[in-house]
Amino acid sequence: MPRRILQGTVTSDANAQTVTVSVERRFKHPVLQKTIRKSKKYRAHDENNTFAKGDTVRIRECAPKSKTKRWEVIA
């Protein structure tokens, strides 16, 4: 099964080797047909602390790195 890849914005880089990435998705409401924006935060592994708050990054699924980290930054 291929690993999922998501794109989002870094919202926090306070922790060592970890960034919090907010990923937004858009979809149409099934009844109202209105476009809805939903976002979800993911904690991703950033080995060299290269990314800062506000950067746009891509993350991919990986084996668990810690209790909350299941993603890693690829660029």
N, C-alpha and C. Protein backbone atom coordinates (compact mmCIF):
# COMPACT_ATOMS: atom_id res chain seq x y z
N MET A 1 0.84 -1.19 0.00
CA MET A 1 0.00 0.00 0.00
C MET A 1 0.88 1.24 0.00
N PRO A 2 0.64 2.19 -0.89
CA PRO A 2 1.49 3.38 -0.96
C PRO A 2 1.28 4.29 0.24
N ARG A 3 2.32 5.03 0.56
CA ARG A 3 2.25 5.98 1.66
C ARG A 3 1.52 7.23 1.20
N ARG A 4 0.66 7.76 2.06
CA ARG A 4 -0.04 8.99 1.73
C ARG A 4 0.91 10.17 1.81
N ILE A 5 0.74 11.15 0.94
CA ILE A 5 1.52 12.38 0.96
C ILE A 5 0.54 13.54 1.04
N LEU A 6 0.77 14.44 2.00
CA LEU A 6 -0.10 15.59 2.20
C LEU A 6 0.74 16.86 2.14
N GLN A 7 0.10 17.98 1.81
CA GLN A 7 0.78 19.26 1.78
C GLN A 7 0.10 20.20 2.76
N GLY A 8 0.91 20.94 3.52
CA GLY A 8 0.34 21.86 4.49
C GLY A 8 1.34 22.92 4.92
N THR A 9 0.95 23.68 5.94
CA THR A 9 1.75 24.78 6.44
C THR A 9 2.22 24.48 7.85
N VAL A 10 3.48 24.77 8.13
CA VAL A 10 4.03 24.56 9.48
C VAL A 10 3.43 25.60 10.41
N THR A 11 2.80 25.13 11.49
CA THR A 11 2.20 26.04 12.46
C THR A 11 3.02 26.14 13.73
N SER A 12 3.93 25.18 13.98
CA SER A 12 4.77 25.24 15.16
C SER A 12 6.05 24.46 14.92
N ASP A 13 7.17 25.02 15.39
CA ASP A 13 8.46 24.32 15.31
C ASP A 13 9.17 24.38 16.66
N ALA A 14 8.40 24.45 17.75
CA ALA A 14 8.96 24.65 19.08
C ALA A 14 9.71 23.42 19.60
N ASN A 15 9.29 22.22 19.22
CA ASN A 15 9.91 21.01 19.74
C ASN A 15 11.10 20.58 18.89
N ALA A 16 12.03 19.85 19.50
CA ALA A 16 13.21 19.38 18.79
C ALA A 16 12.80 18.27 17.81
N GLN A 17 13.24 18.38 16.58
CA GLN A 17 13.03 17.41 15.51
C GLN A 17 11.55 17.15 15.22
N THR A 18 10.67 18.09 15.56
CA THR A 18 9.25 17.93 15.32
C THR A 18 8.64 19.23 14.84
N VAL A 19 7.77 19.14 13.85
CA VAL A 19 6.99 20.30 13.42
C VAL A 19 5.52 19.90 13.42
N THR A 20 4.67 20.87 13.67
CA THR A 20 3.24 20.67 13.58
C THR A 20 2.78 21.26 12.26
N VAL A 21 2.12 20.45 11.45
CA VAL A 21 1.71 20.86 10.11
C VAL A 21 0.18 20.87 10.04
N SER A 22 -0.38 21.98 9.59
CA SER A 22 -1.81 22.10 9.42
C SER A 22 -2.14 21.84 7.95
N VAL A 23 -2.97 20.82 7.71
CA VAL A 23 -3.34 20.43 6.34
C VAL A 23 -4.81 20.77 6.14
N GLU A 24 -5.08 21.55 5.09
CA GLU A 24 -6.45 21.97 4.80
C GLU A 24 -6.99 21.19 3.61
N ARG A 25 -8.25 20.76 3.73
CA ARG A 25 -8.91 20.09 2.61
C ARG A 25 -10.22 20.80 2.31
N ARG A 26 -10.58 20.83 1.05
CA ARG A 26 -11.82 21.48 0.61
C ARG A 26 -12.72 20.44 -0.04
N PHE A 27 -14.00 20.54 0.24
CA PHE A 27 -14.97 19.64 -0.36
C PHE A 27 -16.33 20.30 -0.38
N LYS A 28 -17.21 19.78 -1.21
CA LYS A 28 -18.58 20.31 -1.29
C LYS A 28 -19.45 19.58 -0.29
N HIS A 29 -20.29 20.34 0.39
CA HIS A 29 -21.26 19.75 1.31
C HIS A 29 -22.24 18.92 0.50
N PRO A 30 -22.54 17.68 0.96
CA PRO A 30 -23.39 16.81 0.15
C PRO A 30 -24.81 17.32 -0.09
N VAL A 31 -25.36 18.09 0.84
CA VAL A 31 -26.73 18.58 0.68
C VAL A 31 -26.76 20.03 0.21
N LEU A 32 -25.99 20.89 0.89
CA LEU A 32 -26.02 22.32 0.60
C LEU A 32 -25.20 22.73 -0.62
N GLN A 33 -24.31 21.85 -1.08
CA GLN A 33 -23.44 22.13 -2.22
C GLN A 33 -22.56 23.35 -2.01
N LYS A 34 -22.24 23.66 -0.77
CA LYS A 34 -21.37 24.78 -0.45
C LYS A 34 -19.96 24.24 -0.22
N THR A 35 -18.96 24.97 -0.67
CA THR A 35 -17.58 24.54 -0.46
C THR A 35 -17.19 24.76 1.00
N ILE A 36 -16.68 23.71 1.62
CA ILE A 36 -16.31 23.76 3.04
C ILE A 36 -14.81 23.53 3.17
N ARG A 37 -14.18 24.29 4.07
CA ARG A 37 -12.76 24.13 4.35
C ARG A 37 -12.61 23.50 5.73
N LYS A 38 -11.90 22.38 5.79
CA LYS A 38 -11.60 21.73 7.07
C LYS A 38 -10.10 21.57 7.16
N SER A 39 -9.56 21.73 8.37
CA SER A 39 -8.13 21.55 8.54
C SER A 39 -7.87 20.58 9.68
N LYS A 40 -6.72 19.93 9.61
CA LYS A 40 -6.31 18.98 10.61
C LYS A 40 -4.82 19.15 10.84
N LYS A 41 -4.38 18.99 12.09
CA LYS A 41 -2.97 19.15 12.41
C LYS A 41 -2.30 17.79 12.54
N TYR A 42 -1.10 17.70 11.98
CA TYR A 42 -0.30 16.48 12.06
C TYR A 42 1.05 16.86 12.65
N ARG A 43 1.60 15.97 13.49
CA ARG A 43 2.96 16.17 14.01
C ARG A 43 3.89 15.34 13.15
N ALA A 44 4.92 15.99 12.60
CA ALA A 44 5.81 15.33 11.65
C ALA A 44 7.25 15.44 12.11
N HIS A 45 8.04 14.42 11.75
CA HIS A 45 9.45 14.35 12.11
C HIS A 45 10.27 15.21 11.16
N ASP A 46 11.06 16.12 11.74
CA ASP A 46 11.95 17.01 10.98
C ASP A 46 13.35 16.81 11.53
N GLU A 47 14.10 15.90 10.91
CA GLU A 47 15.39 15.44 11.45
C GLU A 47 16.36 16.56 11.80
N ASN A 48 16.54 17.55 10.89
CA ASN A 48 17.57 18.57 11.09
C ASN A 48 17.01 19.93 11.52
N ASN A 49 15.76 19.98 11.93
CA ASN A 49 15.12 21.24 12.32
C ASN A 49 15.27 22.30 11.23
N THR A 50 15.00 21.93 9.98
CA THR A 50 15.22 22.84 8.87
C THR A 50 14.03 23.73 8.56
N PHE A 51 12.84 23.37 9.02
CA PHE A 51 11.64 24.11 8.66
C PHE A 51 11.17 25.00 9.80
N ALA A 52 10.67 26.18 9.43
CA ALA A 52 10.23 27.17 10.42
C ALA A 52 8.74 27.42 10.24
N LYS A 53 8.18 28.13 11.19
CA LYS A 53 6.76 28.45 11.17
C LYS A 53 6.42 29.23 9.90
N GLY A 54 5.35 28.83 9.22
CA GLY A 54 4.92 29.51 8.00
C GLY A 54 5.37 28.84 6.73
N ASP A 55 6.31 27.91 6.80
CA ASP A 55 6.78 27.21 5.60
C ASP A 55 5.73 26.25 5.07
N THR A 56 5.67 26.11 3.75
CA THR A 56 4.81 25.12 3.13
C THR A 56 5.63 23.86 2.92
N VAL A 57 5.14 22.72 3.44
CA VAL A 57 5.90 21.47 3.38
C VAL A 57 5.00 20.34 2.91
N ARG A 58 5.66 19.25 2.49
CA ARG A 58 4.95 18.01 2.17
C ARG A 58 5.35 16.98 3.21
N ILE A 59 4.38 16.23 3.69
CA ILE A 59 4.66 15.19 4.68
C ILE A 59 4.16 13.85 4.15
N ARG A 60 4.81 12.76 4.58
CA ARG A 60 4.36 11.44 4.15
C ARG A 60 4.28 10.51 5.36
N GLU A 61 3.42 9.53 5.24
CA GLU A 61 3.24 8.56 6.31
C GLU A 61 4.51 7.76 6.52
N CYS A 62 4.74 7.35 7.76
CA CYS A 62 5.89 6.51 8.06
C CYS A 62 5.55 5.65 9.28
N ALA A 63 6.47 4.80 9.64
CA ALA A 63 6.31 4.00 10.86
C ALA A 63 6.33 4.95 12.06
N PRO A 64 5.68 4.60 13.15
CA PRO A 64 5.63 5.50 14.31
C PRO A 64 7.02 5.86 14.82
N LYS A 65 7.26 7.18 14.98
CA LYS A 65 8.54 7.66 15.51
C LYS A 65 8.43 7.91 17.01
N SER A 66 7.23 8.23 17.47
CA SER A 66 6.97 8.45 18.89
C SER A 66 5.49 8.24 19.14
N LYS A 67 5.03 8.64 20.32
CA LYS A 67 3.62 8.45 20.66
C LYS A 67 2.69 9.17 19.70
N THR A 68 3.06 10.37 19.26
CA THR A 68 2.18 11.18 18.42
C THR A 68 2.67 11.36 16.98
N LYS A 69 3.91 11.00 16.69
CA LYS A 69 4.45 11.24 15.34
C LYS A 69 4.32 10.01 14.45
N ARG A 70 3.54 10.16 13.36
CA ARG A 70 3.36 9.10 12.38
C ARG A 70 3.69 9.59 10.97
N TRP A 71 4.23 10.78 10.86
CA TRP A 71 4.52 11.43 9.59
C TRP A 71 5.95 11.95 9.60
N GLU A 72 6.54 12.14 8.41
CA GLU A 72 7.86 12.75 8.27
C GLU A 72 7.83 13.77 7.15
N VAL A 73 8.63 14.82 7.32
CA VAL A 73 8.68 15.90 6.33
C VAL A 73 9.57 15.45 5.19
N ILE A 74 9.11 15.65 3.94
CA ILE A 74 9.95 15.30 2.79
C ILE A 74 10.41 16.52 2.02
N ALA A 75 9.75 17.67 2.16
CA ALA A 75 10.22 18.92 1.55
C ALA A 75 9.22 20.02 1.76
